[in-house]
Amino acid sequence: MSHRHCFALDLKNDPGLIAEYETYHQSVWPAIIQSIKEAGINDLQIYRVENRLFMIMEVNEQFSFEKKNAADATNPEVQRWEELMWTYQQALPTAKAGEKWMKMNKIFQL
């Protein structure tokens, strides 16, 4: 059984930076893909409208945010990717210091 988590984040509102961000996501580094799969994430999609991002993450039973964060913290490629992505991203107005993707609450299901 899988579980779905949804997140939001903004990009800097600059068309050139947004285009570069999308280009990086057309060819995500193999080490990043590997770290995502190894964490128990079965599917991950990112959508954009203007400079707002929406991410849908489908995870398996073995996934935990704590394990993923610990693995990311010791993975130099993930750290390089995150630092690079922060060039394009900006925190949502209500984010805490250093917080990137903010988990969204489901308010409706059909």
C-alpha atoms as a PDB file:
ATOM      1  CA  MET A   1       0.000   0.000   0.000  1.00  0.00           C
ATOM      2  CA  SER A   2       1.313   3.442  -0.867  1.00  0.00           C
ATOM      3  CA  HIS A   3       0.794   6.784   0.800  1.00  0.00           C
ATOM      4  CA  ARG A   4       0.604  10.170  -0.904  1.00  0.00           C
ATOM      5  CA  HIS A   5       2.191  13.376   0.377  1.00  0.00           C
ATOM      6  CA  CYS A   6       1.843  16.781  -1.300  1.00  0.00           C
ATOM      7  CA  PHE A   7       4.101  19.790  -0.918  1.00  0.00           C
ATOM      8  CA  ALA A   8       4.331  23.380  -2.138  1.00  0.00           C
ATOM      9  CA  LEU A   9       7.288  25.670  -2.766  1.00  0.00           C
ATOM     10  CA  ASP A  10       7.880  28.837  -4.758  1.00  0.00           C
ATOM     11  CA  LEU A  11      10.477  29.677  -7.348  1.00  0.00           C
ATOM     12  CA  LYS A  12      12.060  33.094  -7.638  1.00  0.00           C
ATOM     13  CA  ASN A  13       9.740  35.001  -9.952  1.00  0.00           C
ATOM     14  CA  ASP A  14      12.208  35.341 -12.812  1.00  0.00           C
ATOM     15  CA  PRO A  15      11.416  33.743 -16.214  1.00  0.00           C
ATOM     16  CA  GLY A  16      15.070  32.924 -16.907  1.00  0.00           C
ATOM     17  CA  LEU A  17      15.574  31.202 -13.560  1.00  0.00           C
ATOM     18  CA  ILE A  18      12.278  29.317 -13.926  1.00  0.00           C
ATOM     19  CA  ALA A  19      13.369  28.056 -17.361  1.00  0.00           C
ATOM     20  CA  GLU A  20      16.725  26.900 -15.959  1.00  0.00           C
ATOM     21  CA  TYR A  21      14.965  25.107 -13.080  1.00  0.00           C
ATOM     22  CA  GLU A  22      12.741  23.255 -15.531  1.00  0.00           C
ATOM     23  CA  THR A  23      15.758  22.327 -17.667  1.00  0.00           C
ATOM     24  CA  TYR A  24      17.464  20.746 -14.640  1.00  0.00           C
ATOM     25  CA  HIS A  25      14.309  18.741 -13.990  1.00  0.00           C
ATOM     26  CA  GLN A  26      14.270  17.354 -17.538  1.00  0.00           C
ATOM     27  CA  SER A  27      17.546  15.620 -16.698  1.00  0.00           C
ATOM     28  CA  VAL A  28      17.771  15.112 -12.934  1.00  0.00           C
ATOM     29  CA  TRP A  29      21.148  13.810 -11.802  1.00  0.00           C
ATOM     30  CA  PRO A  30      21.233   9.987 -11.530  1.00  0.00           C
ATOM     31  CA  ALA A  31      22.382  10.141  -7.876  1.00  0.00           C
ATOM     32  CA  ILE A  32      19.272  12.179  -7.017  1.00  0.00           C
ATOM     33  CA  ILE A  33      16.972   9.682  -8.743  1.00  0.00           C
ATOM     34  CA  GLN A  34      18.737   6.846  -6.912  1.00  0.00           C
ATOM     35  CA  SER A  35      18.368   8.554  -3.511  1.00  0.00           C
ATOM     36  CA  ILE A  36      14.652   9.106  -4.158  1.00  0.00           C
ATOM     37  CA  LYS A  37      14.052   5.463  -5.089  1.00  0.00           C
ATOM     38  CA  GLU A  38      16.190   4.093  -2.246  1.00  0.00           C
ATOM     39  CA  ALA A  39      14.138   6.111   0.258  1.00  0.00           C
ATOM     40  CA  GLY A  40      10.971   4.250  -0.693  1.00  0.00           C
ATOM     41  CA  ILE A  41       9.494   6.903  -2.969  1.00  0.00           C
ATOM     42  CA  ASN A  42       7.691   5.061  -5.777  1.00  0.00           C
ATOM     43  CA  ASP A  43       6.562   8.115  -7.750  1.00  0.00           C
ATOM     44  CA  LEU A  44       7.359  11.808  -7.535  1.00  0.00           C
ATOM     45  CA  GLN A  45       5.877  14.515  -9.745  1.00  0.00           C
ATOM     46  CA  ILE A  46       6.343  18.286  -9.710  1.00  0.00           C
ATOM     47  CA  TYR A  47       3.885  20.698 -11.329  1.00  0.00           C
ATOM     48  CA  ARG A  48       4.250  24.450 -11.809  1.00  0.00           C
ATOM     49  CA  VAL A  49       1.900  27.384 -12.255  1.00  0.00           C
ATOM     50  CA  GLU A  50       3.714  30.702 -12.619  1.00  0.00           C
ATOM     51  CA  ASN A  51       6.336  30.533  -9.847  1.00  0.00           C
ATOM     52  CA  ARG A  52       4.423  28.130  -7.534  1.00  0.00           C
ATOM     53  CA  LEU A  53       5.496  24.487  -7.412  1.00  0.00           C
ATOM     54  CA  PHE A  54       3.351  21.539  -6.323  1.00  0.00           C
ATOM     55  CA  MET A  55       4.931  18.144  -5.621  1.00  0.00           C
ATOM     56  CA  ILE A  56       3.109  14.826  -5.311  1.00  0.00           C
ATOM     57  CA  MET A  57       5.050  12.011  -3.663  1.00  0.00           C
ATOM     58  CA  GLU A  58       3.844   8.403  -3.547  1.00  0.00           C
ATOM     59  CA  VAL A  59       5.758   6.390  -0.955  1.00  0.00           C
ATOM     60  CA  ASN A  60       5.844   2.758   0.136  1.00  0.00           C
ATOM     61  CA  GLU A  61       5.526   1.311   3.642  1.00  0.00           C
ATOM     62  CA  GLN A  62       9.293   1.553   4.278  1.00  0.00           C
ATOM     63  CA  PHE A  63       9.441   5.313   3.689  1.00  0.00           C
ATOM     64  CA  SER A  64      10.011   7.721   6.559  1.00  0.00           C
ATOM     65  CA  PHE A  65      10.831  11.418   6.428  1.00  0.00           C
ATOM     66  CA  GLU A  66      13.383  10.949   9.219  1.00  0.00           C
ATOM     67  CA  LYS A  67      15.295   8.241   7.311  1.00  0.00           C
ATOM     68  CA  LYS A  68      15.175  10.249   4.070  1.00  0.00           C
ATOM     69  CA  ASN A  69      16.452  13.405   5.784  1.00  0.00           C
ATOM     70  CA  ALA A  70      19.261  11.457   7.512  1.00  0.00           C
ATOM     71  CA  ALA A  71      20.306   9.808   4.225  1.00  0.00           C
ATOM     72  CA  ASP A  72      20.213  13.152   2.389  1.00  0.00           C
ATOM     73  CA  ALA A  73      22.347  14.819   5.062  1.00  0.00           C
ATOM     74  CA  THR A  74      25.179  12.319   4.453  1.00  0.00           C
ATOM     75  CA  ASN A  75      24.896  12.256   0.641  1.00  0.00           C
ATOM     76  CA  PRO A  76      27.211  14.864  -0.949  1.00  0.00           C
ATOM     77  CA  GLU A  77      25.429  14.699  -4.334  1.00  0.00           C
ATOM     78  CA  VAL A  78      22.045  15.380  -2.725  1.00  0.00           C
ATOM     79  CA  GLN A  79      23.592  18.261  -0.787  1.00  0.00           C
ATOM     80  CA  ARG A  80      25.068  19.712  -4.021  1.00  0.00           C
ATOM     81  CA  TRP A  81      21.696  19.342  -5.797  1.00  0.00           C
ATOM     82  CA  GLU A  82      19.781  20.986  -2.945  1.00  0.00           C
ATOM     83  CA  GLU A  83      22.237  23.880  -2.796  1.00  0.00           C
ATOM     84  CA  LEU A  84      21.952  24.358  -6.564  1.00  0.00           C
ATOM     85  CA  MET A  85      18.134  24.201  -6.473  1.00  0.00           C
ATOM     86  CA  TRP A  86      18.055  26.842  -3.733  1.00  0.00           C
ATOM     87  CA  THR A  87      19.437  29.209  -6.415  1.00  0.00           C
ATOM     88  CA  TYR A  88      15.990  29.001  -8.054  1.00  0.00           C
ATOM     89  CA  GLN A  89      13.698  28.326  -5.104  1.00  0.00           C
ATOM     90  CA  GLN A  90      12.342  30.665  -2.488  1.00  0.00           C
ATOM     91  CA  ALA A  91      10.554  29.703   0.681  1.00  0.00           C
ATOM     92  CA  LEU A  92       6.831  30.204   1.016  1.00  0.00           C
ATOM     93  CA  PRO A  93       5.959  33.328   3.053  1.00  0.00           C
ATOM     94  CA  THR A  94       5.020  31.271   6.140  1.00  0.00           C
ATOM     95  CA  ALA A  95       8.057  28.927   6.037  1.00  0.00           C
ATOM     96  CA  LYS A  96      10.411  28.665   8.976  1.00  0.00           C
ATOM     97  CA  ALA A  97      14.074  29.591   8.445  1.00  0.00           C
ATOM     98  CA  GLY A  98      15.674  27.063   6.089  1.00  0.00           C
ATOM     99  CA  GLU A  99      12.372  25.300   5.331  1.00  0.00           C
ATOM    100  CA  LYS A 100      11.846  24.468   1.684  1.00  0.00           C
ATOM    101  CA  TRP A 101       9.033  22.204   0.559  1.00  0.00           C
ATOM    102  CA  MET A 102       6.053  22.672   2.889  1.00  0.00           C
ATOM    103  CA  LYS A 103       3.713  19.736   3.427  1.00  0.00           C
ATOM    104  CA  MET A 104       0.150  20.446   2.348  1.00  0.00           C
ATOM    105  CA  ASN A 105      -2.959  19.291   4.188  1.00  0.00           C
ATOM    106  CA  LYS A 106      -5.587  17.381   2.239  1.00  0.00           C
ATOM    107  CA  ILE A 107      -8.919  19.179   2.599  1.00  0.00           C
ATOM    108  CA  PHE A 108     -11.056  17.169   0.152  1.00  0.00           C
ATOM    109  CA  GLN A 109     -11.235  13.738  -1.449  1.00  0.00           C
ATOM    110  CA  LEU A 110     -13.853  12.379  -3.854  1.00  0.00           C
END
